[in-house]
Amino acid sequence: MTITFSKLSGAGNDFIVIDNRSLSIALSTIQIRDLCTRRTGIGADGLILIEPSADYDFSMKYFNSDGMLGSMCGNGGRCAVYFAHTIGVPFSSGNSCSFDANGNRYDAVVTGPETVRLRMLAPESFRTGIELEGLTCHSVNTGSPHIIIYTSNLENASVTGTGRIIRHRTDEFPGGTNVNFIEITSPDSLSIRTFERGVEDETLACGTGAVAAALMSRKLGKVEGSTIRVKVKSGDILEVRFDAEMQEVYLTGPAKIVYKGTVTIA
């Protein structure tokens, strides 16, 4: 089977994106994992299938690089929108679209060349002051579960050490969790590094993690205002904007096609 794909980057989060509107492509967990494996495969943090939807402009099916169906991926959602826009998926209104992922509706706008704004789900399950591995942690679900840990030395944070351990603390988080280390850099900006569940490593960016960091930081009074700039490991900036009740939350940032190709799967 030969598949045509595009490789997209959303602020450093990279994805294999495939047009499956014909529903002719069915990939196994092993095949997805092999495609996402770096050096021996295409290499990506995840794989996205763009499929038809009965109610919205399209459906996004997201798989983590371990081959398993994933929860919401914010940067993946923005890349899915940009890809759908480039292949001519009919949008509801101009550059604006709606799509479903994991049974939830998302709305997005292609705001400029290689830039997409995505409306996220309202956050759930804020918890503060959780003691884990000798650290004070906070948690929130922004479509995926996230732990927030504040540090004054982000460069030397133990992302793949302590982050990996906390990711697997199923006594606190039965399905595991993503782990974010945050350094506040100004009254309206922060920097972040993330150990991402399903990738099982540090990634260059995490959209739901950026949203979790911005909302938790505002809730704890560590930042001001309703628009927070989040610098991810790639060096790109994601913008998180929200209303006073944190019910309308938007994630804006770069989404671009890195290259296109074909791959043959036995």
C-alpha atoms as a PDB file:
ATOM      1  CA  MET A   1       0.000   0.000   0.000  1.00  0.00           C
ATOM      2  CA  THR A   2       1.404   3.380  -1.019  1.00  0.00           C
ATOM      3  CA  ILE A   3       0.261   6.411   0.972  1.00  0.00           C
ATOM      4  CA  THR A   4       0.676  10.088   0.133  1.00  0.00           C
ATOM      5  CA  PHE A   5       1.389  12.181   3.224  1.00  0.00           C
ATOM      6  CA  SER A   6       2.463  15.650   4.310  1.00  0.00           C
ATOM      7  CA  LYS A   7       4.807  16.392   7.181  1.00  0.00           C
ATOM      8  CA  LEU A   8       3.666  19.429   9.194  1.00  0.00           C
ATOM      9  CA  SER A   9       5.169  21.354  12.076  1.00  0.00           C
ATOM     10  CA  GLY A  10       3.128  23.221  14.651  1.00  0.00           C
ATOM     11  CA  ALA A  11       5.701  25.328  16.531  1.00  0.00           C
ATOM     12  CA  GLY A  12       8.022  22.312  16.557  1.00  0.00           C
ATOM     13  CA  ASN A  13       5.430  19.618  17.231  1.00  0.00           C
ATOM     14  CA  ASP A  14       5.659  17.532  14.051  1.00  0.00           C
ATOM     15  CA  PHE A  15       2.978  15.370  12.514  1.00  0.00           C
ATOM     16  CA  ILE A  16       2.401  13.022   9.612  1.00  0.00           C
ATOM     17  CA  VAL A  17      -0.902  14.192   8.117  1.00  0.00           C
ATOM     18  CA  ILE A  18      -2.876  12.073   5.641  1.00  0.00           C
ATOM     19  CA  ASP A  19      -5.976  12.869   3.602  1.00  0.00           C
ATOM     20  CA  ASN A  20      -8.308   9.951   4.381  1.00  0.00           C
ATOM     21  CA  ARG A  21     -11.585  11.488   3.220  1.00  0.00           C
ATOM     22  CA  SER A  22     -12.093   8.377   1.095  1.00  0.00           C
ATOM     23  CA  LEU A  23     -11.758   6.215   4.246  1.00  0.00           C
ATOM     24  CA  SER A  24      -9.540   3.882   2.233  1.00  0.00           C
ATOM     25  CA  ILE A  25      -6.628   3.950   4.675  1.00  0.00           C
ATOM     26  CA  ALA A  26      -6.600   1.810   7.814  1.00  0.00           C
ATOM     27  CA  LEU A  27      -3.326   1.705   9.714  1.00  0.00           C
ATOM     28  CA  SER A  28      -2.457  -0.647  12.561  1.00  0.00           C
ATOM     29  CA  THR A  29      -0.846   0.462  15.814  1.00  0.00           C
ATOM     30  CA  ILE A  30       2.439  -1.061  14.686  1.00  0.00           C
ATOM     31  CA  GLN A  31       2.314   0.661  11.287  1.00  0.00           C
ATOM     32  CA  ILE A  32       1.649   4.055  12.888  1.00  0.00           C
ATOM     33  CA  ARG A  33       4.435   3.524  15.398  1.00  0.00           C
ATOM     34  CA  ASP A  34       6.865   2.543  12.620  1.00  0.00           C
ATOM     35  CA  LEU A  35       5.949   5.573  10.529  1.00  0.00           C
ATOM     36  CA  CYS A  36       6.469   7.911  13.503  1.00  0.00           C
ATOM     37  CA  THR A  37       9.775   6.357  14.574  1.00  0.00           C
ATOM     38  CA  ARG A  38      12.635   8.731  13.919  1.00  0.00           C
ATOM     39  CA  ARG A  39      15.641   7.608  11.855  1.00  0.00           C
ATOM     40  CA  THR A  40      13.940   4.429  10.621  1.00  0.00           C
ATOM     41  CA  GLY A  41      10.570   5.942   9.669  1.00  0.00           C
ATOM     42  CA  ILE A  42       9.266   9.320   8.574  1.00  0.00           C
ATOM     43  CA  GLY A  43       9.543  10.513  12.156  1.00  0.00           C
ATOM     44  CA  ALA A  44       6.884  12.493  14.019  1.00  0.00           C
ATOM     45  CA  ASP A  45       5.289  13.205  17.383  1.00  0.00           C
ATOM     46  CA  GLY A  46       2.024  11.861  16.004  1.00  0.00           C
ATOM     47  CA  LEU A  47      -0.058  10.925  12.977  1.00  0.00           C
ATOM     48  CA  ILE A  48      -3.277  12.614  11.882  1.00  0.00           C
ATOM     49  CA  LEU A  49      -5.973  11.335   9.543  1.00  0.00           C
ATOM     50  CA  ILE A  50      -8.312  13.890   7.970  1.00  0.00           C
ATOM     51  CA  GLU A  51     -11.663  12.145   7.510  1.00  0.00           C
ATOM     52  CA  PRO A  52     -15.229  13.126   6.573  1.00  0.00           C
ATOM     53  CA  SER A  53     -17.670  14.315   9.201  1.00  0.00           C
ATOM     54  CA  ALA A  54     -21.472  14.226   9.096  1.00  0.00           C
ATOM     55  CA  ASP A  55     -21.804  17.428  11.115  1.00  0.00           C
ATOM     56  CA  TYR A  56     -18.647  19.481  10.566  1.00  0.00           C
ATOM     57  CA  ASP A  57     -16.172  20.371   7.839  1.00  0.00           C
ATOM     58  CA  PHE A  58     -13.980  17.380   8.633  1.00  0.00           C
ATOM     59  CA  SER A  59     -12.967  14.960  11.357  1.00  0.00           C
ATOM     60  CA  MET A  60      -9.488  14.762  12.878  1.00  0.00           C
ATOM     61  CA  LYS A  61      -8.260  11.388  14.102  1.00  0.00           C
ATOM     62  CA  TYR A  62      -5.050  11.745  16.100  1.00  0.00           C
ATOM     63  CA  PHE A  63      -2.583   9.004  17.031  1.00  0.00           C
ATOM     64  CA  ASN A  64       0.402   9.423  19.328  1.00  0.00           C
ATOM     65  CA  SER A  65       3.780   8.259  18.077  1.00  0.00           C
ATOM     66  CA  ASP A  66       3.362   5.073  20.133  1.00  0.00           C
ATOM     67  CA  GLY A  67       0.601   4.143  17.670  1.00  0.00           C
ATOM     68  CA  MET A  68      -2.251   4.570  20.115  1.00  0.00           C
ATOM     69  CA  LEU A  69      -5.285   6.790  19.578  1.00  0.00           C
ATOM     70  CA  GLY A  70      -4.541   9.992  21.478  1.00  0.00           C
ATOM     71  CA  SER A  71      -6.469  12.638  23.354  1.00  0.00           C
ATOM     72  CA  MET A  72      -6.669  16.173  21.950  1.00  0.00           C
ATOM     73  CA  CYS A  73      -3.480  17.685  20.565  1.00  0.00           C
ATOM     74  CA  GLY A  74      -3.660  21.473  20.240  1.00  0.00           C
ATOM     75  CA  ASN A  75      -0.789  21.903  17.794  1.00  0.00           C
ATOM     76  CA  GLY A  76      -1.985  18.831  15.917  1.00  0.00           C
ATOM     77  CA  GLY A  77      -5.412  20.414  15.611  1.00  0.00           C
ATOM     78  CA  ARG A  78      -3.917  23.605  14.201  1.00  0.00           C
ATOM     79  CA  CYS A  79      -1.840  21.586  11.713  1.00  0.00           C
ATOM     80  CA  ALA A  80      -4.916  19.570  10.718  1.00  0.00           C
ATOM     81  CA  VAL A  81      -6.771  22.804   9.952  1.00  0.00           C
ATOM     82  CA  TYR A  82      -3.908  24.215   7.896  1.00  0.00           C
ATOM     83  CA  PHE A  83      -3.533  20.958   5.967  1.00  0.00           C
ATOM     84  CA  ALA A  84      -7.288  20.754   5.310  1.00  0.00           C
ATOM     85  CA  HIS A  85      -7.191  24.354   4.064  1.00  0.00           C
ATOM     86  CA  THR A  86      -4.339  23.601   1.628  1.00  0.00           C
ATOM     87  CA  ILE A  87      -5.988  20.507   0.117  1.00  0.00           C
ATOM     88  CA  GLY A  88      -9.253  22.312  -0.502  1.00  0.00           C
ATOM     89  CA  VAL A  89     -11.549  20.879   2.156  1.00  0.00           C
ATOM     90  CA  PRO A  90     -14.654  23.122   1.932  1.00  0.00           C
ATOM     91  CA  PHE A  91     -14.744  25.355   5.025  1.00  0.00           C
ATOM     92  CA  SER A  92     -17.917  26.671   6.647  1.00  0.00           C
ATOM     93  CA  SER A  93     -17.031  30.296   6.013  1.00  0.00           C
ATOM     94  CA  GLY A  94     -13.971  31.548   4.169  1.00  0.00           C
ATOM     95  CA  ASN A  95     -10.918  30.648   6.223  1.00  0.00           C
ATOM     96  CA  SER A  96     -13.013  29.509   9.214  1.00  0.00           C
ATOM     97  CA  CYS A  97     -13.934  25.904   9.891  1.00  0.00           C
ATOM     98  CA  SER A  98     -15.279  23.507  12.458  1.00  0.00           C
ATOM     99  CA  PHE A  99     -14.151  19.931  12.965  1.00  0.00           C
ATOM    100  CA  ASP A 100     -14.603  17.109  15.418  1.00  0.00           C
ATOM    101  CA  ALA A 101     -11.961  15.261  17.377  1.00  0.00           C
ATOM    102  CA  ASN A 102     -12.670  12.639  20.018  1.00  0.00           C
ATOM    103  CA  GLY A 103     -16.364  13.510  19.894  1.00  0.00           C
ATOM    104  CA  ASN A 104     -15.808  17.231  20.591  1.00  0.00           C
ATOM    105  CA  ARG A 105     -16.354  20.214  18.310  1.00  0.00           C
ATOM    106  CA  TYR A 106     -13.476  22.595  17.630  1.00  0.00           C
ATOM    107  CA  ASP A 107     -13.551  25.870  15.694  1.00  0.00           C
ATOM    108  CA  ALA A 108     -10.551  27.391  13.968  1.00  0.00           C
ATOM    109  CA  VAL A 109      -9.450  30.149  11.611  1.00  0.00           C
ATOM    110  CA  VAL A 110      -6.484  30.313   9.257  1.00  0.00           C
ATOM    111  CA  THR A 111      -5.509  33.841  10.304  1.00  0.00           C
ATOM    112  CA  GLY A 112      -2.587  34.322   7.937  1.00  0.00           C
ATOM    113  CA  PRO A 113       0.182  32.577   6.033  1.00  0.00           C
ATOM    114  CA  GLU A 114       1.039  29.473   8.088  1.00  0.00           C
ATOM    115  CA  THR A 115      -0.835  30.738  11.171  1.00  0.00           C
ATOM    116  CA  VAL A 116      -3.918  29.158  12.739  1.00  0.00           C
ATOM    117  CA  ARG A 117      -6.080  30.134  15.717  1.00  0.00           C
ATOM    118  CA  LEU A 118      -7.899  27.231  17.384  1.00  0.00           C
ATOM    119  CA  ARG A 119     -10.643  27.462  19.966  1.00  0.00           C
ATOM    120  CA  MET A 120      -9.883  24.936  22.673  1.00  0.00           C
ATOM    121  CA  LEU A 121     -12.184  23.199  25.129  1.00  0.00           C
ATOM    122  CA  ALA A 122     -12.831  24.932  28.433  1.00  0.00           C
ATOM    123  CA  PRO A 123     -10.406  23.627  31.084  1.00  0.00           C
ATOM    124  CA  GLU A 124     -11.507  21.080  33.658  1.00  0.00           C
ATOM    125  CA  SER A 125     -10.327  19.689  36.982  1.00  0.00           C
ATOM    126  CA  PHE A 126      -8.026  22.420  38.295  1.00  0.00           C
ATOM    127  CA  ARG A 127      -5.985  21.070  41.231  1.00  0.00           C
ATOM    128  CA  THR A 128      -3.254  22.957  43.063  1.00  0.00           C
ATOM    129  CA  GLY A 129      -0.605  22.118  45.627  1.00  0.00           C
ATOM    130  CA  ILE A 130      -0.085  18.440  44.772  1.00  0.00           C
ATOM    131  CA  GLU A 131       3.144  17.072  46.235  1.00  0.00           C
ATOM    132  CA  LEU A 132       4.883  14.683  43.824  1.00  0.00           C
ATOM    133  CA  GLU A 133       8.518  13.573  43.872  1.00  0.00           C
ATOM    134  CA  GLY A 134       9.370  16.326  46.329  1.00  0.00           C
ATOM    135  CA  LEU A 135       7.887  19.033  44.076  1.00  0.00           C
ATOM    136  CA  THR A 136       4.790  21.207  44.367  1.00  0.00           C
ATOM    137  CA  CYS A 137       2.681  20.473  41.309  1.00  0.00           C
ATOM    138  CA  HIS A 138      -0.595  21.683  39.857  1.00  0.00           C
ATOM    139  CA  SER A 139      -2.867  19.957  37.368  1.00  0.00           C
ATOM    140  CA  VAL A 140      -5.561  20.810  34.831  1.00  0.00           C
ATOM    141  CA  ASN A 141      -7.161  19.089  31.860  1.00  0.00           C
ATOM    142  CA  THR A 142      -7.201  21.165  28.650  1.00  0.00           C
ATOM    143  CA  GLY A 143      -8.327  18.347  26.375  1.00  0.00           C
ATOM    144  CA  SER A 144      -5.393  16.297  27.670  1.00  0.00           C
ATOM    145  CA  PRO A 145      -4.254  16.018  31.307  1.00  0.00           C
ATOM    146  CA  HIS A 146      -1.327  18.207  32.362  1.00  0.00           C
ATOM    147  CA  ILE A 147       0.893  18.680  35.389  1.00  0.00           C
ATOM    148  CA  ILE A 148       2.429  22.140  35.893  1.00  0.00           C
ATOM    149  CA  ILE A 149       5.709  22.571  37.801  1.00  0.00           C
ATOM    150  CA  TYR A 150       7.271  26.023  38.271  1.00  0.00           C
ATOM    151  CA  THR A 151      11.014  26.529  38.173  1.00  0.00           C
ATOM    152  CA  SER A 152      13.463  29.441  38.108  1.00  0.00           C
ATOM    153  CA  ASN A 153      15.955  27.429  36.035  1.00  0.00           C
ATOM    154  CA  LEU A 154      14.086  25.960  33.081  1.00  0.00           C
ATOM    155  CA  GLU A 155      17.244  25.154  31.136  1.00  0.00           C
ATOM    156  CA  ASN A 156      18.324  22.629  33.767  1.00  0.00           C
ATOM    157  CA  ALA A 157      14.874  21.235  34.613  1.00  0.00           C
ATOM    158  CA  SER A 158      14.731  17.430  34.853  1.00  0.00           C
ATOM    159  CA  VAL A 159      12.214  17.050  32.033  1.00  0.00           C
ATOM    160  CA  THR A 160      13.165  13.534  30.947  1.00  0.00           C
ATOM    161  CA  GLY A 161      14.072  12.438  34.482  1.00  0.00           C
ATOM    162  CA  THR A 162      11.533  13.697  37.014  1.00  0.00           C
ATOM    163  CA  GLY A 163       9.100  14.441  34.188  1.00  0.00           C
ATOM    164  CA  ARG A 164       9.144  10.824  33.067  1.00  0.00           C
ATOM    165  CA  ILE A 165       8.557   9.579  36.618  1.00  0.00           C
ATOM    166  CA  ILE A 166       5.588  11.889  37.240  1.00  0.00           C
ATOM    167  CA  ARG A 167       4.127  11.034  33.817  1.00  0.00           C
ATOM    168  CA  HIS A 168       3.727   7.454  35.096  1.00  0.00           C
ATOM    169  CA  ARG A 169       2.289   8.303  38.534  1.00  0.00           C
ATOM    170  CA  THR A 170      -0.888   6.336  37.883  1.00  0.00           C
ATOM    171  CA  ASP A 171      -1.693   6.412  41.600  1.00  0.00           C
ATOM    172  CA  GLU A 172      -2.548  10.099  41.104  1.00  0.00           C
ATOM    173  CA  PHE A 173      -3.451  10.005  37.395  1.00  0.00           C
ATOM    174  CA  PRO A 174      -4.882   6.646  36.276  1.00  0.00           C
ATOM    175  CA  GLY A 175      -4.270   7.321  32.586  1.00  0.00           C
ATOM    176  CA  GLY A 176      -0.913   8.989  33.120  1.00  0.00           C
ATOM    177  CA  THR A 177      -0.301  12.662  32.453  1.00  0.00           C
ATOM    178  CA  ASN A 178       1.776  15.156  30.508  1.00  0.00           C
ATOM    179  CA  VAL A 179       4.339  17.041  32.580  1.00  0.00           C
ATOM    180  CA  ASN A 180       5.254  20.698  32.003  1.00  0.00           C
ATOM    181  CA  PHE A 181       8.073  22.711  33.553  1.00  0.00           C
ATOM    182  CA  ILE A 182       7.363  26.456  33.528  1.00  0.00           C
ATOM    183  CA  GLU A 183       9.477  29.567  34.033  1.00  0.00           C
ATOM    184  CA  ILE A 184       7.671  32.907  34.271  1.00  0.00           C
ATOM    185  CA  THR A 185       9.579  35.419  32.133  1.00  0.00           C
ATOM    186  CA  SER A 186       7.399  38.557  32.335  1.00  0.00           C
ATOM    187  CA  PRO A 187       3.952  39.605  33.594  1.00  0.00           C
ATOM    188  CA  ASP A 188       2.396  38.247  30.387  1.00  0.00           C
ATOM    189  CA  SER A 189       4.818  35.591  29.153  1.00  0.00           C
ATOM    190  CA  LEU A 190       6.376  32.303  30.157  1.00  0.00           C
ATOM    191  CA  SER A 191       8.645  29.586  28.800  1.00  0.00           C
ATOM    192  CA  ILE A 192       7.789  25.888  28.846  1.00  0.00           C
ATOM    193  CA  ARG A 193       9.313  22.452  28.386  1.00  0.00           C
ATOM    194  CA  THR A 194       7.071  19.389  28.177  1.00  0.00           C
ATOM    195  CA  PHE A 195       7.414  15.644  28.667  1.00  0.00           C
ATOM    196  CA  GLU A 196       4.597  14.395  26.471  1.00  0.00           C
ATOM    197  CA  ARG A 197       2.520  11.317  27.180  1.00  0.00           C
ATOM    198  CA  GLY A 198       2.290   8.974  24.182  1.00  0.00           C
ATOM    199  CA  VAL A 199       5.500  10.364  22.692  1.00  0.00           C
ATOM    200  CA  GLU A 200       7.274   9.327  25.912  1.00  0.00           C
ATOM    201  CA  ASP A 201       9.897  12.015  25.549  1.00  0.00           C
ATOM    202  CA  GLU A 202      10.357  15.765  25.619  1.00  0.00           C
ATOM    203  CA  THR A 203       8.820  17.458  22.571  1.00  0.00           C
ATOM    204  CA  LEU A 204       9.676  20.803  21.001  1.00  0.00           C
ATOM    205  CA  ALA A 205       6.155  22.089  21.743  1.00  0.00           C
ATOM    206  CA  CYS A 206       2.804  21.036  23.185  1.00  0.00           C
ATOM    207  CA  GLY A 207      -0.351  23.012  22.443  1.00  0.00           C
ATOM    208  CA  THR A 208      -2.571  21.717  25.246  1.00  0.00           C
ATOM    209  CA  GLY A 209       0.450  22.083  27.551  1.00  0.00           C
ATOM    210  CA  ALA A 210       0.891  25.742  26.566  1.00  0.00           C
ATOM    211  CA  VAL A 211      -2.795  26.346  27.280  1.00  0.00           C
ATOM    212  CA  ALA A 212      -2.563  24.537  30.630  1.00  0.00           C
ATOM    213  CA  ALA A 213       0.499  26.572  31.616  1.00  0.00           C
ATOM    214  CA  ALA A 214      -1.101  29.896  30.691  1.00  0.00           C
ATOM    215  CA  LEU A 215      -4.400  29.195  32.444  1.00  0.00           C
ATOM    216  CA  MET A 216      -2.824  27.804  35.601  1.00  0.00           C
ATOM    217  CA  SER A 217      -0.354  30.681  35.769  1.00  0.00           C
ATOM    218  CA  ARG A 218      -3.184  33.197  35.493  1.00  0.00           C
ATOM    219  CA  LYS A 219      -5.273  31.333  38.052  1.00  0.00           C
ATOM    220  CA  LEU A 220      -2.366  31.386  40.520  1.00  0.00           C
ATOM    221  CA  GLY A 221      -1.635  35.071  39.868  1.00  0.00           C
ATOM    222  CA  LYS A 222       1.779  34.424  38.361  1.00  0.00           C
ATOM    223  CA  VAL A 223       0.899  36.304  35.143  1.00  0.00           C
ATOM    224  CA  GLU A 224      -1.460  39.163  34.308  1.00  0.00           C
ATOM    225  CA  GLY A 225      -4.011  39.857  31.608  1.00  0.00           C
ATOM    226  CA  SER A 226      -5.918  37.563  29.288  1.00  0.00           C
ATOM    227  CA  THR A 227      -3.344  37.042  26.532  1.00  0.00           C
ATOM    228  CA  ILE A 228      -0.240  35.074  27.476  1.00  0.00           C
ATOM    229  CA  ARG A 229       2.765  34.470  25.230  1.00  0.00           C
ATOM    230  CA  VAL A 230       4.256  31.001  25.652  1.00  0.00           C
ATOM    231  CA  LYS A 231       7.763  30.309  24.365  1.00  0.00           C
ATOM    232  CA  VAL A 232       8.227  26.607  23.575  1.00  0.00           C
ATOM    233  CA  LYS A 233      11.470  24.653  23.282  1.00  0.00           C
ATOM    234  CA  SER A 234      11.680  25.176  19.497  1.00  0.00           C
ATOM    235  CA  GLY A 235      11.884  28.919  20.141  1.00  0.00           C
ATOM    236  CA  ASP A 236       8.478  29.574  18.568  1.00  0.00           C
ATOM    237  CA  ILE A 237       5.811  31.575  20.383  1.00  0.00           C
ATOM    238  CA  LEU A 238       2.282  30.319  21.006  1.00  0.00           C
ATOM    239  CA  GLU A 239      -0.369  32.799  22.066  1.00  0.00           C
ATOM    240  CA  VAL A 240      -3.049  31.744  24.551  1.00  0.00           C
ATOM    241  CA  ARG A 241      -6.038  34.054  24.890  1.00  0.00           C
ATOM    242  CA  PHE A 242      -9.015  33.543  27.219  1.00  0.00           C
ATOM    243  CA  ASP A 243     -11.981  35.301  28.785  1.00  0.00           C
ATOM    244  CA  ALA A 244     -12.381  36.093  32.472  1.00  0.00           C
ATOM    245  CA  GLU A 245     -14.187  32.812  33.193  1.00  0.00           C
ATOM    246  CA  MET A 246     -11.682  30.771  31.131  1.00  0.00           C
ATOM    247  CA  GLN A 247     -14.564  29.301  29.135  1.00  0.00           C
ATOM    248  CA  GLU A 248     -13.469  30.715  25.790  1.00  0.00           C
ATOM    249  CA  VAL A 249      -9.847  29.721  25.218  1.00  0.00           C
ATOM    250  CA  TYR A 250      -7.880  30.227  21.991  1.00  0.00           C
ATOM    251  CA  LEU A 251      -4.492  28.899  20.913  1.00  0.00           C
ATOM    252  CA  THR A 252      -2.721  30.724  18.071  1.00  0.00           C
ATOM    253  CA  GLY A 253       0.599  29.914  16.460  1.00  0.00           C
ATOM    254  CA  PRO A 254       2.522  28.697  13.421  1.00  0.00           C
ATOM    255  CA  ALA A 255       1.528  25.662  11.356  1.00  0.00           C
ATOM    256  CA  LYS A 256       3.441  24.853   8.211  1.00  0.00           C
ATOM    257  CA  ILE A 257       4.042  22.078   5.718  1.00  0.00           C
ATOM    258  CA  VAL A 258       7.653  20.879   5.991  1.00  0.00           C
ATOM    259  CA  TYR A 259       7.537  18.482   3.064  1.00  0.00           C
ATOM    260  CA  LYS A 260       5.313  16.066   1.143  1.00  0.00           C
ATOM    261  CA  GLY A 261       6.002  12.504   0.100  1.00  0.00           C
ATOM    262  CA  THR A 262       4.820   8.965  -0.390  1.00  0.00           C
ATOM    263  CA  VAL A 263       5.543   5.882   1.663  1.00  0.00           C
ATOM    264  CA  THR A 264       4.968   2.228   0.867  1.00  0.00           C
ATOM    265  CA  ILE A 265       3.703   0.001   3.672  1.00  0.00           C
ATOM    266  CA  ALA A 266       3.863  -3.762   3.327  1.00  0.00           C
END
